[in-house]
Amino acid sequence: MEKFDLLEGIVAPLDRSNVDTDAIIPKQFLKSIRRTGFGPNLFDEWRYLDRGEPGQDCSGRPLNPDFVLNQSRYQGATVLLARANFGCGSSREHAPWALQQYGFRAVIAPSFGDIFYNNALQNGLLPVVLAEAEVDALFAQAQGERPLRVAVDLEAQRVTTADGAVAFSFEIAPFRKYCLLNGLDDVALTLRKSEQIRAFERVHLEAFPWLSPGRHGS
């Protein structure tokens, strides 16, 4: 998992509440057994004017000119700004994968679906919860004449506009913060204890030798 410390980037404002995971990555794309390649199909039903299918080349598909991610001013955005209850619905882990593979490293919203929130943290995508008034203030700037650039500082737990005029603090569980700062998912955390695991296995197999893999089928 990629470490997250300080992110500076353009904000893309998605002015919709209750965006569910089927909108983030529609169900037909869950057929893929890979963990990559979901970025082109992020918000597929809103982003394109036709229906997308797994494995389809998206480069020639007709774009919806009214959708925020298709507007030139938001190209290269790394922070998604959303409304309340972002990521509600089903528990698909593909949702944070699609957001990351599009290029987003953080999502700012007043609230998130619980499962999406935890899936995002497990995959290195930072969900930032701000008060509705604070989110409103960011939307006003992001939808203004110029694209909004912000710095998301995980260590300081602050979101600051590029001009420094606006700064908001956010909360995050200390353990989740530690994992993000160090790029540790559950597998990486387990591997840090690999010596202790091997030592336990040796002692356990000495006490119960019939559990040894080499004894099976003999």
N, C-alpha and C. Protein backbone atom coordinates (compact mmCIF):
# COMPACT_ATOMS: atom_id res chain seq x y z
N MET A 1 0.84 -1.19 0.00
CA MET A 1 0.00 0.00 0.00
C MET A 1 0.88 1.24 0.00
N GLU A 2 0.56 2.21 -0.82
CA GLU A 2 1.34 3.44 -0.92
C GLU A 2 1.16 4.29 0.35
N LYS A 3 2.26 4.86 0.82
CA LYS A 3 2.19 5.71 2.00
C LYS A 3 1.41 6.99 1.69
N PHE A 4 0.74 7.50 2.69
CA PHE A 4 0.02 8.77 2.56
C PHE A 4 0.54 9.72 3.64
N ASP A 5 1.05 10.86 3.20
CA ASP A 5 1.52 11.85 4.15
C ASP A 5 0.91 13.20 3.82
N LEU A 6 1.44 13.86 2.78
CA LEU A 6 0.94 15.17 2.36
C LEU A 6 0.53 15.09 0.90
N LEU A 7 -0.71 15.44 0.62
CA LEU A 7 -1.24 15.44 -0.75
C LEU A 7 -1.60 16.86 -1.13
N GLU A 8 -1.05 17.32 -2.24
CA GLU A 8 -1.40 18.63 -2.77
C GLU A 8 -1.97 18.44 -4.16
N GLY A 9 -3.17 18.93 -4.42
CA GLY A 9 -3.76 18.68 -5.72
C GLY A 9 -5.03 19.45 -5.97
N ILE A 10 -5.56 19.26 -7.18
CA ILE A 10 -6.81 19.89 -7.61
C ILE A 10 -8.00 19.13 -7.03
N VAL A 11 -9.04 19.88 -6.69
CA VAL A 11 -10.27 19.30 -6.14
C VAL A 11 -11.32 19.19 -7.25
N ALA A 12 -11.91 18.01 -7.40
CA ALA A 12 -13.04 17.82 -8.32
C ALA A 12 -14.32 17.76 -7.48
N PRO A 13 -15.25 18.71 -7.66
CA PRO A 13 -16.47 18.74 -6.84
C PRO A 13 -17.60 17.90 -7.44
N LEU A 14 -17.97 16.83 -6.76
CA LEU A 14 -19.09 15.99 -7.18
C LEU A 14 -20.28 16.37 -6.31
N ASP A 15 -21.13 17.23 -6.83
CA ASP A 15 -22.18 17.84 -6.01
C ASP A 15 -23.43 16.95 -5.96
N ARG A 16 -23.28 15.78 -5.34
CA ARG A 16 -24.38 14.82 -5.20
C ARG A 16 -24.29 14.17 -3.84
N SER A 17 -25.43 13.98 -3.21
CA SER A 17 -25.49 13.25 -1.94
C SER A 17 -25.83 11.78 -2.20
N ASN A 18 -25.54 10.94 -1.22
CA ASN A 18 -25.91 9.51 -1.26
C ASN A 18 -25.38 8.81 -2.51
N VAL A 19 -24.15 9.09 -2.87
CA VAL A 19 -23.53 8.41 -4.01
C VAL A 19 -23.18 6.99 -3.56
N ASP A 20 -23.84 6.00 -4.15
CA ASP A 20 -23.61 4.63 -3.70
C ASP A 20 -22.50 3.96 -4.50
N THR A 21 -22.09 2.80 -4.02
CA THR A 21 -20.95 2.12 -4.64
C THR A 21 -21.26 1.61 -6.04
N ASP A 22 -22.54 1.41 -6.36
CA ASP A 22 -22.89 0.99 -7.72
C ASP A 22 -22.73 2.15 -8.69
N ALA A 23 -22.88 3.37 -8.21
CA ALA A 23 -22.60 4.53 -9.06
C ALA A 23 -21.10 4.72 -9.21
N ILE A 24 -20.35 4.45 -8.14
CA ILE A 24 -18.89 4.60 -8.21
C ILE A 24 -18.30 3.61 -9.19
N ILE A 25 -18.70 2.35 -9.11
CA ILE A 25 -18.24 1.33 -10.07
C ILE A 25 -19.41 0.36 -10.30
N PRO A 26 -20.11 0.50 -11.43
CA PRO A 26 -21.31 -0.32 -11.68
C PRO A 26 -21.04 -1.82 -11.62
N LYS A 27 -22.10 -2.53 -11.32
CA LYS A 27 -21.99 -3.96 -10.98
C LYS A 27 -21.38 -4.82 -12.07
N GLN A 28 -21.57 -4.46 -13.36
CA GLN A 28 -21.07 -5.33 -14.43
C GLN A 28 -19.54 -5.43 -14.41
N PHE A 29 -18.88 -4.44 -13.81
CA PHE A 29 -17.42 -4.46 -13.79
C PHE A 29 -16.86 -5.31 -12.66
N LEU A 30 -17.72 -5.80 -11.80
CA LEU A 30 -17.27 -6.66 -10.70
C LEU A 30 -16.96 -8.07 -11.18
N LYS A 31 -17.25 -8.36 -12.44
CA LYS A 31 -16.96 -9.68 -12.99
C LYS A 31 -15.46 -9.92 -13.13
N SER A 32 -14.70 -8.85 -13.20
CA SER A 32 -13.25 -8.98 -13.37
C SER A 32 -12.63 -9.63 -12.15
N ILE A 33 -11.69 -10.54 -12.36
CA ILE A 33 -10.99 -11.19 -11.26
C ILE A 33 -9.69 -10.47 -10.94
N ARG A 34 -9.41 -9.41 -11.69
CA ARG A 34 -8.21 -8.62 -11.44
C ARG A 34 -8.50 -7.54 -10.41
N ARG A 35 -7.44 -6.97 -9.87
CA ARG A 35 -7.59 -5.87 -8.92
C ARG A 35 -7.24 -4.54 -9.58
N THR A 36 -6.97 -4.55 -10.86
CA THR A 36 -6.56 -3.35 -11.57
C THR A 36 -7.50 -3.09 -12.76
N GLY A 37 -7.37 -1.89 -13.34
CA GLY A 37 -8.10 -1.57 -14.56
C GLY A 37 -9.47 -0.97 -14.36
N PHE A 38 -9.81 -0.54 -13.14
CA PHE A 38 -11.16 -0.02 -12.87
C PHE A 38 -11.27 1.49 -13.08
N GLY A 39 -10.15 2.19 -13.17
CA GLY A 39 -10.16 3.63 -13.30
C GLY A 39 -10.99 4.16 -14.46
N PRO A 40 -10.87 3.58 -15.68
CA PRO A 40 -11.66 4.08 -16.80
C PRO A 40 -13.17 3.94 -16.61
N ASN A 41 -13.59 3.09 -15.68
CA ASN A 41 -15.02 2.86 -15.48
C ASN A 41 -15.55 3.49 -14.19
N LEU A 42 -14.74 4.34 -13.56
CA LEU A 42 -15.21 5.08 -12.40
C LEU A 42 -16.40 5.95 -12.80
N PHE A 43 -17.49 5.90 -12.04
CA PHE A 43 -18.72 6.65 -12.34
C PHE A 43 -19.16 6.43 -13.79
N ASP A 44 -19.08 5.19 -14.24
CA ASP A 44 -19.28 4.89 -15.66
C ASP A 44 -20.61 5.39 -16.21
N GLU A 45 -21.70 5.21 -15.48
CA GLU A 45 -23.01 5.57 -16.00
C GLU A 45 -23.22 7.09 -16.06
N TRP A 46 -22.45 7.84 -15.30
CA TRP A 46 -22.54 9.31 -15.33
C TRP A 46 -21.51 9.90 -16.29
N ARG A 47 -20.42 9.19 -16.44
CA ARG A 47 -19.28 9.73 -17.20
C ARG A 47 -19.44 9.57 -18.70
N TYR A 48 -20.13 8.51 -19.12
CA TYR A 48 -20.29 8.21 -20.54
C TYR A 48 -21.77 8.25 -20.93
N LEU A 49 -22.01 8.39 -22.23
CA LEU A 49 -23.38 8.43 -22.74
C LEU A 49 -23.88 7.07 -23.21
N ASP A 50 -23.00 6.07 -23.21
CA ASP A 50 -23.41 4.70 -23.56
C ASP A 50 -23.16 3.79 -22.37
N ARG A 51 -23.57 2.55 -22.50
CA ARG A 51 -23.36 1.58 -21.42
C ARG A 51 -22.01 0.92 -21.58
N GLY A 52 -21.24 0.91 -20.51
CA GLY A 52 -19.93 0.28 -20.55
C GLY A 52 -19.98 -1.18 -20.20
N GLU A 53 -19.02 -1.93 -20.74
CA GLU A 53 -18.92 -3.36 -20.47
C GLU A 53 -17.48 -3.70 -20.08
N PRO A 54 -17.28 -4.74 -19.30
CA PRO A 54 -15.93 -5.13 -18.89
C PRO A 54 -15.04 -5.39 -20.11
N GLY A 55 -13.81 -4.92 -20.04
CA GLY A 55 -12.85 -5.15 -21.10
C GLY A 55 -12.98 -4.23 -22.29
N GLN A 56 -13.95 -3.33 -22.25
CA GLN A 56 -14.19 -2.42 -23.37
C GLN A 56 -13.14 -1.31 -23.39
N ASP A 57 -12.72 -0.92 -24.59
CA ASP A 57 -11.82 0.22 -24.75
C ASP A 57 -12.64 1.49 -24.57
N CYS A 58 -12.33 2.26 -23.53
CA CYS A 58 -13.13 3.45 -23.22
C CYS A 58 -12.67 4.70 -23.97
N SER A 59 -11.55 4.61 -24.69
CA SER A 59 -10.98 5.81 -25.30
C SER A 59 -11.89 6.43 -26.35
N GLY A 60 -12.73 5.64 -27.02
CA GLY A 60 -13.59 6.18 -28.06
C GLY A 60 -15.04 6.31 -27.66
N ARG A 61 -15.35 6.09 -26.38
CA ARG A 61 -16.74 6.16 -25.93
C ARG A 61 -17.21 7.61 -25.82
N PRO A 62 -18.49 7.89 -26.09
CA PRO A 62 -19.00 9.27 -26.01
C PRO A 62 -19.09 9.73 -24.56
N LEU A 63 -18.50 10.88 -24.27
CA LEU A 63 -18.47 11.42 -22.92
C LEU A 63 -19.67 12.32 -22.65
N ASN A 64 -20.11 12.31 -21.41
CA ASN A 64 -21.16 13.23 -20.97
C ASN A 64 -20.49 14.56 -20.64
N PRO A 65 -20.71 15.60 -21.44
CA PRO A 65 -20.01 16.87 -21.23
C PRO A 65 -20.39 17.57 -19.94
N ASP A 66 -21.52 17.19 -19.35
CA ASP A 66 -21.99 17.85 -18.14
C ASP A 66 -21.41 17.24 -16.87
N PHE A 67 -20.77 16.07 -17.00
CA PHE A 67 -20.25 15.42 -15.80
C PHE A 67 -18.92 16.05 -15.39
N VAL A 68 -18.75 16.26 -14.11
CA VAL A 68 -17.64 17.04 -13.59
C VAL A 68 -16.27 16.50 -14.02
N LEU A 69 -16.08 15.19 -14.04
CA LEU A 69 -14.77 14.64 -14.37
C LEU A 69 -14.42 14.80 -15.84
N ASN A 70 -15.40 15.15 -16.66
CA ASN A 70 -15.14 15.35 -18.09
C ASN A 70 -14.85 16.81 -18.42
N GLN A 71 -14.86 17.67 -17.42
CA GLN A 71 -14.57 19.09 -17.66
C GLN A 71 -13.07 19.34 -17.53
N SER A 72 -12.53 20.03 -18.49
CA SER A 72 -11.07 20.19 -18.61
C SER A 72 -10.45 20.80 -17.36
N ARG A 73 -11.16 21.67 -16.68
CA ARG A 73 -10.58 22.35 -15.52
C ARG A 73 -10.28 21.40 -14.36
N TYR A 74 -10.93 20.23 -14.36
CA TYR A 74 -10.73 19.27 -13.27
C TYR A 74 -9.84 18.09 -13.67
N GLN A 75 -9.25 18.14 -14.85
CA GLN A 75 -8.37 17.05 -15.27
C GLN A 75 -7.15 17.00 -14.35
N GLY A 76 -6.77 15.81 -13.96
CA GLY A 76 -5.64 15.63 -13.06
C GLY A 76 -5.98 15.81 -11.59
N ALA A 77 -7.27 15.93 -11.27
CA ALA A 77 -7.67 16.10 -9.87
C ALA A 77 -7.28 14.87 -9.05
N THR A 78 -6.80 15.11 -7.85
CA THR A 78 -6.43 14.01 -6.95
C THR A 78 -7.26 13.99 -5.67
N VAL A 79 -8.12 15.01 -5.51
CA VAL A 79 -9.01 15.08 -4.34
C VAL A 79 -10.45 15.19 -4.85
N LEU A 80 -11.30 14.29 -4.38
CA LEU A 80 -12.71 14.34 -4.74
C LEU A 80 -13.48 14.95 -3.59
N LEU A 81 -14.30 15.93 -3.91
CA LEU A 81 -15.16 16.58 -2.92
C LEU A 81 -16.58 16.12 -3.15
N ALA A 82 -17.23 15.60 -2.12
CA ALA A 82 -18.57 15.01 -2.28
C ALA A 82 -19.49 15.47 -1.15
N ARG A 83 -20.73 15.09 -1.29
CA ARG A 83 -21.75 15.42 -0.28
C ARG A 83 -21.94 14.26 0.69
N ALA A 84 -22.96 14.36 1.52
CA ALA A 84 -23.18 13.42 2.61
C ALA A 84 -23.42 11.99 2.13
N ASN A 85 -22.99 11.04 2.96
CA ASN A 85 -23.24 9.61 2.77
C ASN A 85 -22.58 9.07 1.50
N PHE A 86 -21.40 9.56 1.19
CA PHE A 86 -20.68 9.08 0.02
C PHE A 86 -20.24 7.63 0.26
N GLY A 87 -20.42 6.79 -0.77
CA GLY A 87 -20.00 5.39 -0.67
C GLY A 87 -20.99 4.51 0.06
N CYS A 88 -22.26 4.91 0.12
CA CYS A 88 -23.27 4.05 0.75
C CYS A 88 -23.55 2.86 -0.18
N GLY A 89 -24.37 1.94 0.29
CA GLY A 89 -24.73 0.80 -0.55
C GLY A 89 -23.90 -0.43 -0.26
N SER A 90 -23.61 -1.20 -1.29
CA SER A 90 -22.95 -2.50 -1.12
C SER A 90 -21.50 -2.34 -0.67
N SER A 91 -20.93 -3.46 -0.26
CA SER A 91 -19.61 -3.43 0.39
C SER A 91 -18.45 -3.57 -0.59
N ARG A 92 -18.69 -3.47 -1.88
CA ARG A 92 -17.64 -3.77 -2.87
C ARG A 92 -16.37 -2.96 -2.65
N GLU A 93 -15.24 -3.68 -2.55
CA GLU A 93 -13.94 -3.05 -2.39
C GLU A 93 -13.48 -2.40 -3.70
N HIS A 94 -14.15 -2.76 -4.79
CA HIS A 94 -13.81 -2.19 -6.09
C HIS A 94 -14.01 -0.67 -6.11
N ALA A 95 -14.87 -0.14 -5.23
CA ALA A 95 -15.15 1.30 -5.24
C ALA A 95 -13.90 2.12 -4.92
N PRO A 96 -13.21 1.85 -3.80
CA PRO A 96 -11.97 2.60 -3.58
C PRO A 96 -10.89 2.28 -4.62
N TRP A 97 -10.86 1.04 -5.14
CA TRP A 97 -9.90 0.72 -6.20
C TRP A 97 -10.13 1.62 -7.41
N ALA A 98 -11.39 1.78 -7.82
CA ALA A 98 -11.70 2.59 -9.00
C ALA A 98 -11.31 4.05 -8.78
N LEU A 99 -11.60 4.58 -7.60
CA LEU A 99 -11.24 5.96 -7.30
C LEU A 99 -9.74 6.16 -7.34
N GLN A 100 -9.01 5.24 -6.74
CA GLN A 100 -7.55 5.33 -6.74
C GLN A 100 -6.98 5.21 -8.14
N GLN A 101 -7.50 4.24 -8.89
CA GLN A 101 -6.94 3.99 -10.22
C GLN A 101 -7.29 5.09 -11.21
N TYR A 102 -8.30 5.88 -10.90
CA TYR A 102 -8.57 7.09 -11.68
C TYR A 102 -7.53 8.16 -11.38
N GLY A 103 -7.07 8.19 -10.11
CA GLY A 103 -6.07 9.18 -9.71
C GLY A 103 -6.36 9.89 -8.40
N PHE A 104 -7.48 9.57 -7.77
CA PHE A 104 -7.81 10.20 -6.49
C PHE A 104 -7.03 9.55 -5.35
N ARG A 105 -6.52 10.38 -4.44
CA ARG A 105 -5.85 9.88 -3.25
C ARG A 105 -6.65 10.17 -1.98
N ALA A 106 -7.61 11.12 -2.09
CA ALA A 106 -8.42 11.47 -0.92
C ALA A 106 -9.82 11.86 -1.38
N VAL A 107 -10.80 11.61 -0.50
CA VAL A 107 -12.19 12.01 -0.73
C VAL A 107 -12.63 12.80 0.49
N ILE A 108 -13.19 13.98 0.27
CA ILE A 108 -13.68 14.83 1.36
C ILE A 108 -15.20 14.88 1.29
N ALA A 109 -15.86 14.61 2.41
CA ALA A 109 -17.32 14.62 2.46
C ALA A 109 -17.78 14.81 3.91
N PRO A 110 -19.04 15.20 4.12
CA PRO A 110 -19.54 15.32 5.50
C PRO A 110 -19.71 13.97 6.19
N SER A 111 -19.94 12.92 5.40
CA SER A 111 -20.11 11.58 5.97
C SER A 111 -19.91 10.54 4.87
N PHE A 112 -19.62 9.31 5.30
CA PHE A 112 -19.37 8.21 4.37
C PHE A 112 -20.15 6.98 4.80
N GLY A 113 -20.42 6.10 3.83
CA GLY A 113 -20.92 4.78 4.18
C GLY A 113 -19.85 4.06 5.00
N ASP A 114 -20.26 3.39 6.08
CA ASP A 114 -19.29 2.80 7.01
C ASP A 114 -18.34 1.82 6.34
N ILE A 115 -18.89 0.92 5.52
CA ILE A 115 -18.04 -0.10 4.89
C ILE A 115 -17.10 0.55 3.89
N PHE A 116 -17.61 1.49 3.10
CA PHE A 116 -16.73 2.19 2.16
C PHE A 116 -15.60 2.88 2.91
N TYR A 117 -15.92 3.54 4.00
CA TYR A 117 -14.91 4.28 4.78
C TYR A 117 -13.77 3.35 5.18
N ASN A 118 -14.12 2.18 5.70
CA ASN A 118 -13.09 1.24 6.14
C ASN A 118 -12.35 0.62 4.96
N ASN A 119 -13.07 0.31 3.87
CA ASN A 119 -12.39 -0.22 2.68
C ASN A 119 -11.40 0.79 2.12
N ALA A 120 -11.78 2.06 2.14
CA ALA A 120 -10.88 3.10 1.63
C ALA A 120 -9.59 3.14 2.45
N LEU A 121 -9.72 3.14 3.75
CA LEU A 121 -8.54 3.18 4.62
C LEU A 121 -7.65 1.96 4.41
N GLN A 122 -8.27 0.80 4.22
CA GLN A 122 -7.51 -0.43 4.02
C GLN A 122 -6.71 -0.42 2.72
N ASN A 123 -7.12 0.44 1.78
CA ASN A 123 -6.47 0.48 0.47
C ASN A 123 -5.67 1.74 0.22
N GLY A 124 -5.48 2.56 1.24
CA GLY A 124 -4.64 3.73 1.10
C GLY A 124 -5.33 4.96 0.54
N LEU A 125 -6.66 4.93 0.46
CA LEU A 125 -7.44 6.09 0.03
C LEU A 125 -7.94 6.79 1.28
N LEU A 126 -7.64 8.08 1.44
CA LEU A 126 -7.98 8.78 2.68
C LEU A 126 -9.37 9.41 2.60
N PRO A 127 -10.32 8.94 3.41
CA PRO A 127 -11.64 9.60 3.51
C PRO A 127 -11.59 10.66 4.60
N VAL A 128 -11.84 11.89 4.24
CA VAL A 128 -11.76 13.02 5.18
C VAL A 128 -13.17 13.49 5.49
N VAL A 129 -13.54 13.46 6.76
CA VAL A 129 -14.86 13.92 7.20
C VAL A 129 -14.74 15.35 7.71
N LEU A 130 -15.45 16.25 7.05
CA LEU A 130 -15.54 17.64 7.50
C LEU A 130 -17.00 18.00 7.76
N ALA A 131 -17.22 19.05 8.52
CA ALA A 131 -18.58 19.52 8.78
C ALA A 131 -19.22 20.00 7.48
N GLU A 132 -20.53 19.92 7.42
CA GLU A 132 -21.24 20.31 6.19
C GLU A 132 -20.93 21.75 5.80
N ALA A 133 -20.83 22.64 6.76
CA ALA A 133 -20.53 24.04 6.46
C ALA A 133 -19.13 24.17 5.85
N GLU A 134 -18.21 23.35 6.32
CA GLU A 134 -16.85 23.38 5.78
C GLU A 134 -16.83 22.83 4.36
N VAL A 135 -17.59 21.76 4.13
CA VAL A 135 -17.69 21.20 2.79
C VAL A 135 -18.35 22.20 1.85
N ASP A 136 -19.38 22.89 2.33
CA ASP A 136 -20.04 23.93 1.53
C ASP A 136 -19.03 25.00 1.10
N ALA A 137 -18.17 25.40 2.02
CA ALA A 137 -17.18 26.43 1.72
C ALA A 137 -16.20 25.96 0.64
N LEU A 138 -15.82 24.69 0.71
CA LEU A 138 -14.92 24.15 -0.31
C LEU A 138 -15.62 24.04 -1.67
N PHE A 139 -16.90 23.64 -1.66
CA PHE A 139 -17.66 23.58 -2.91
C PHE A 139 -17.74 24.96 -3.56
N ALA A 140 -17.98 25.98 -2.76
CA ALA A 140 -18.09 27.33 -3.30
C ALA A 140 -16.81 27.74 -4.03
N GLN A 141 -15.67 27.35 -3.46
CA GLN A 141 -14.39 27.68 -4.11
C GLN A 141 -14.11 26.77 -5.30
N ALA A 142 -14.42 25.48 -5.16
CA ALA A 142 -14.12 24.52 -6.23
C ALA A 142 -14.95 24.78 -7.47
N GLN A 143 -16.14 25.35 -7.29
CA GLN A 143 -17.02 25.65 -8.42
C GLN A 143 -16.90 27.10 -8.89
N GLY A 144 -15.89 27.80 -8.37
CA GLY A 144 -15.67 29.18 -8.74
C GLY A 144 -14.95 29.31 -10.08
N GLU A 145 -14.38 30.48 -10.32
CA GLU A 145 -13.76 30.75 -11.61
C GLU A 145 -12.51 29.91 -11.84
N ARG A 146 -11.78 29.64 -10.78
CA ARG A 146 -10.53 28.89 -10.90
C ARG A 146 -10.64 27.56 -10.16
N PRO A 147 -9.95 26.54 -10.65
CA PRO A 147 -9.94 25.27 -9.93
C PRO A 147 -9.36 25.47 -8.52
N LEU A 148 -9.91 24.76 -7.58
CA LEU A 148 -9.43 24.83 -6.20
C LEU A 148 -8.30 23.82 -6.00
N ARG A 149 -7.22 24.28 -5.44
CA ARG A 149 -6.11 23.40 -5.04
C ARG A 149 -6.04 23.39 -3.52
N VAL A 150 -5.87 22.21 -2.96
CA VAL A 150 -5.75 22.08 -1.51
C VAL A 150 -4.56 21.20 -1.15
N ALA A 151 -4.16 21.31 0.10
CA ALA A 151 -3.17 20.40 0.68
C ALA A 151 -3.88 19.59 1.76
N VAL A 152 -3.80 18.27 1.65
CA VAL A 152 -4.37 17.38 2.67
C VAL A 152 -3.19 16.81 3.45
N ASP A 153 -3.03 17.27 4.66
CA ASP A 153 -1.90 16.89 5.51
C ASP A 153 -2.38 15.89 6.55
N LEU A 154 -2.03 14.63 6.34
CA LEU A 154 -2.49 13.59 7.27
C LEU A 154 -1.81 13.72 8.62
N GLU A 155 -0.53 14.01 8.65
CA GLU A 155 0.18 14.13 9.92
C GLU A 155 -0.45 15.21 10.79
N ALA A 156 -0.74 16.36 10.19
CA ALA A 156 -1.34 17.47 10.94
C ALA A 156 -2.85 17.37 11.02
N GLN A 157 -3.44 16.47 10.22
CA GLN A 157 -4.89 16.28 10.13
C GLN A 157 -5.60 17.59 9.78
N ARG A 158 -5.13 18.16 8.65
CA ARG A 158 -5.68 19.44 8.20
C ARG A 158 -5.83 19.46 6.69
N VAL A 159 -6.88 20.14 6.24
CA VAL A 159 -7.09 20.44 4.83
C VAL A 159 -6.95 21.95 4.68
N THR A 160 -6.02 22.37 3.82
CA THR A 160 -5.73 23.79 3.67
C THR A 160 -5.79 24.18 2.21
N THR A 161 -6.43 25.30 1.90
CA THR A 161 -6.44 25.77 0.52
C THR A 161 -5.05 26.28 0.14
N ALA A 162 -4.77 26.29 -1.16
CA ALA A 162 -3.43 26.62 -1.63
C ALA A 162 -2.98 28.00 -1.18
N ASP A 163 -3.91 28.94 -1.05
CA ASP A 163 -3.54 30.29 -0.63
C ASP A 163 -3.42 30.41 0.89
N GLY A 164 -3.74 29.31 1.59
CA GLY A 164 -3.64 29.31 3.04
C GLY A 164 -4.74 30.05 3.75
N ALA A 165 -5.71 30.54 3.00
CA ALA A 165 -6.78 31.35 3.60
C ALA A 165 -7.78 30.52 4.39
N VAL A 166 -7.95 29.26 4.01
CA VAL A 166 -8.92 28.39 4.66
C VAL A 166 -8.23 27.11 5.10
N ALA A 167 -8.45 26.72 6.35
CA ALA A 167 -7.88 25.48 6.87
C ALA A 167 -8.90 24.81 7.78
N PHE A 168 -9.10 23.52 7.57
CA PHE A 168 -10.04 22.76 8.38
C PHE A 168 -9.33 21.54 8.96
N SER A 169 -9.64 21.21 10.19
CA SER A 169 -9.08 20.03 10.84
C SER A 169 -10.04 18.86 10.70
N PHE A 170 -9.49 17.64 10.67
CA PHE A 170 -10.32 16.45 10.60
C PHE A 170 -9.80 15.40 11.57
N GLU A 171 -10.67 14.48 11.94
CA GLU A 171 -10.32 13.41 12.87
C GLU A 171 -10.07 12.11 12.11
N ILE A 172 -9.21 11.28 12.66
CA ILE A 172 -8.97 9.94 12.13
C ILE A 172 -8.45 9.08 13.27
N ALA A 173 -8.84 7.82 13.31
CA ALA A 173 -8.38 6.93 14.38
C ALA A 173 -6.86 6.81 14.34
N PRO A 174 -6.19 6.87 15.49
CA PRO A 174 -4.72 6.83 15.52
C PRO A 174 -4.13 5.62 14.80
N PHE A 175 -4.75 4.45 14.97
CA PHE A 175 -4.22 3.26 14.31
C PHE A 175 -4.31 3.38 12.79
N ARG A 176 -5.44 3.88 12.28
CA ARG A 176 -5.61 4.06 10.84
C ARG A 176 -4.62 5.09 10.32
N LYS A 177 -4.42 6.14 11.07
CA LYS A 177 -3.45 7.17 10.68
C LYS A 177 -2.05 6.56 10.59
N TYR A 178 -1.68 5.78 11.59
CA TYR A 178 -0.36 5.12 11.59
C TYR A 178 -0.18 4.23 10.37
N CYS A 179 -1.22 3.46 10.04
CA CYS A 179 -1.14 2.55 8.89
C CYS A 179 -0.97 3.32 7.59
N LEU A 180 -1.73 4.40 7.41
CA LEU A 180 -1.63 5.19 6.19
C LEU A 180 -0.27 5.86 6.07
N LEU A 181 0.20 6.45 7.15
CA LEU A 181 1.50 7.13 7.11
C LEU A 181 2.63 6.18 6.78
N ASN A 182 2.47 4.92 7.16
CA ASN A 182 3.54 3.94 6.94
C ASN A 182 3.25 2.98 5.78
N GLY A 183 2.10 3.16 5.11
CA GLY A 183 1.77 2.31 3.97
C GLY A 183 1.54 0.86 4.34
N LEU A 184 0.82 0.64 5.44
CA LEU A 184 0.62 -0.71 5.96
C LEU A 184 -0.83 -1.14 5.83
N ASP A 185 -1.10 -2.14 4.99
CA ASP A 185 -2.42 -2.77 4.99
C ASP A 185 -2.37 -3.98 5.92
N ASP A 186 -3.44 -4.76 5.97
CA ASP A 186 -3.50 -5.90 6.90
C ASP A 186 -2.41 -6.93 6.61
N VAL A 187 -2.13 -7.16 5.33
CA VAL A 187 -1.10 -8.14 4.97
C VAL A 187 0.27 -7.66 5.44
N ALA A 188 0.57 -6.38 5.18
CA ALA A 188 1.86 -5.83 5.60
C ALA A 188 2.01 -5.85 7.12
N LEU A 189 0.93 -5.57 7.83
CA LEU A 189 0.98 -5.62 9.29
C LEU A 189 1.28 -7.03 9.77
N THR A 190 0.66 -8.02 9.13
CA THR A 190 0.90 -9.41 9.50
C THR A 190 2.34 -9.82 9.21
N LEU A 191 2.87 -9.42 8.07
CA LEU A 191 4.23 -9.79 7.68
C LEU A 191 5.28 -9.20 8.62
N ARG A 192 4.95 -8.13 9.29
CA ARG A 192 5.89 -7.56 10.26
C ARG A 192 6.10 -8.50 11.44
N LYS A 193 5.19 -9.44 11.61
CA LYS A 193 5.30 -10.42 12.70
C LYS A 193 5.71 -11.80 12.16
N SER A 194 6.31 -11.82 10.97
CA SER A 194 6.61 -13.11 10.34
C SER A 194 7.53 -13.99 11.18
N GLU A 195 8.52 -13.40 11.87
CA GLU A 195 9.43 -14.20 12.70
C GLU A 195 8.68 -14.84 13.86
N GLN A 196 7.80 -14.08 14.49
CA GLN A 196 7.01 -14.63 15.60
C GLN A 196 6.07 -15.72 15.09
N ILE A 197 5.52 -15.54 13.90
CA ILE A 197 4.62 -16.54 13.33
C ILE A 197 5.37 -17.83 13.06
N ARG A 198 6.56 -17.71 12.46
CA ARG A 198 7.36 -18.91 12.18
C ARG A 198 7.77 -19.62 13.48
N ALA A 199 8.12 -18.84 14.50
CA ALA A 199 8.51 -19.44 15.78
C ALA A 199 7.33 -20.19 16.39
N PHE A 200 6.13 -19.59 16.33
CA PHE A 200 4.94 -20.27 16.85
C PHE A 200 4.68 -21.56 16.09
N GLU A 201 4.81 -21.51 14.75
CA GLU A 201 4.56 -22.71 13.95
C GLU A 201 5.52 -23.84 14.30
N ARG A 202 6.80 -23.49 14.55
CA ARG A 202 7.77 -24.54 14.92
C ARG A 202 7.38 -25.20 16.23
N VAL A 203 7.05 -24.39 17.23
CA VAL A 203 6.68 -24.93 18.54
C VAL A 203 5.39 -25.73 18.43
N HIS A 204 4.44 -25.21 17.64
CA HIS A 204 3.15 -25.87 17.51
C HIS A 204 3.30 -27.24 16.83
N LEU A 205 4.14 -27.30 15.79
CA LEU A 205 4.31 -28.57 15.08
C LEU A 205 5.11 -29.58 15.90
N GLU A 206 5.98 -29.09 16.77
CA GLU A 206 6.69 -30.01 17.67
C GLU A 206 5.71 -30.65 18.66
N ALA A 207 4.74 -29.86 19.09
CA ALA A 207 3.74 -30.39 20.03
C ALA A 207 2.70 -31.26 19.34
N PHE A 208 2.41 -30.96 18.08
CA PHE A 208 1.39 -31.69 17.32
C PHE A 208 1.97 -32.09 15.96
N PRO A 209 2.91 -33.01 15.92
CA PRO A 209 3.63 -33.34 14.68
C PRO A 209 2.72 -33.88 13.58
N TRP A 210 1.57 -34.43 13.93
CA TRP A 210 0.68 -34.97 12.89
C TRP A 210 0.05 -33.87 12.03
N LEU A 211 0.23 -32.61 12.46
CA LEU A 211 -0.28 -31.49 11.67
C LEU A 211 0.72 -31.01 10.61
N SER A 212 1.90 -31.59 10.62
CA SER A 212 2.92 -31.19 9.64
C SER A 212 2.46 -31.48 8.23
N PRO A 213 2.58 -30.52 7.30
CA PRO A 213 2.17 -30.73 5.92
C PRO A 213 2.83 -31.93 5.28
N GLY A 214 4.07 -32.24 5.69
CA GLY A 214 4.80 -33.36 5.09
C GLY A 214 4.24 -34.72 5.46
N ARG A 215 3.40 -34.80 6.48
CA ARG A 215 2.83 -36.07 6.92
C ARG A 215 1.56 -36.44 6.18
N HIS A 216 0.96 -35.44 5.51
CA HIS A 216 -0.30 -35.72 4.82
C HIS A 216 -0.06 -36.61 3.62
N GLY A 217 -0.89 -37.58 3.43
CA GLY A 217 -0.81 -38.47 2.28
C GLY A 217 0.21 -39.58 2.42
N SER A 218 0.90 -39.69 3.59
CA SER A 218 1.89 -40.73 3.77
C SER A 218 1.22 -42.00 4.29
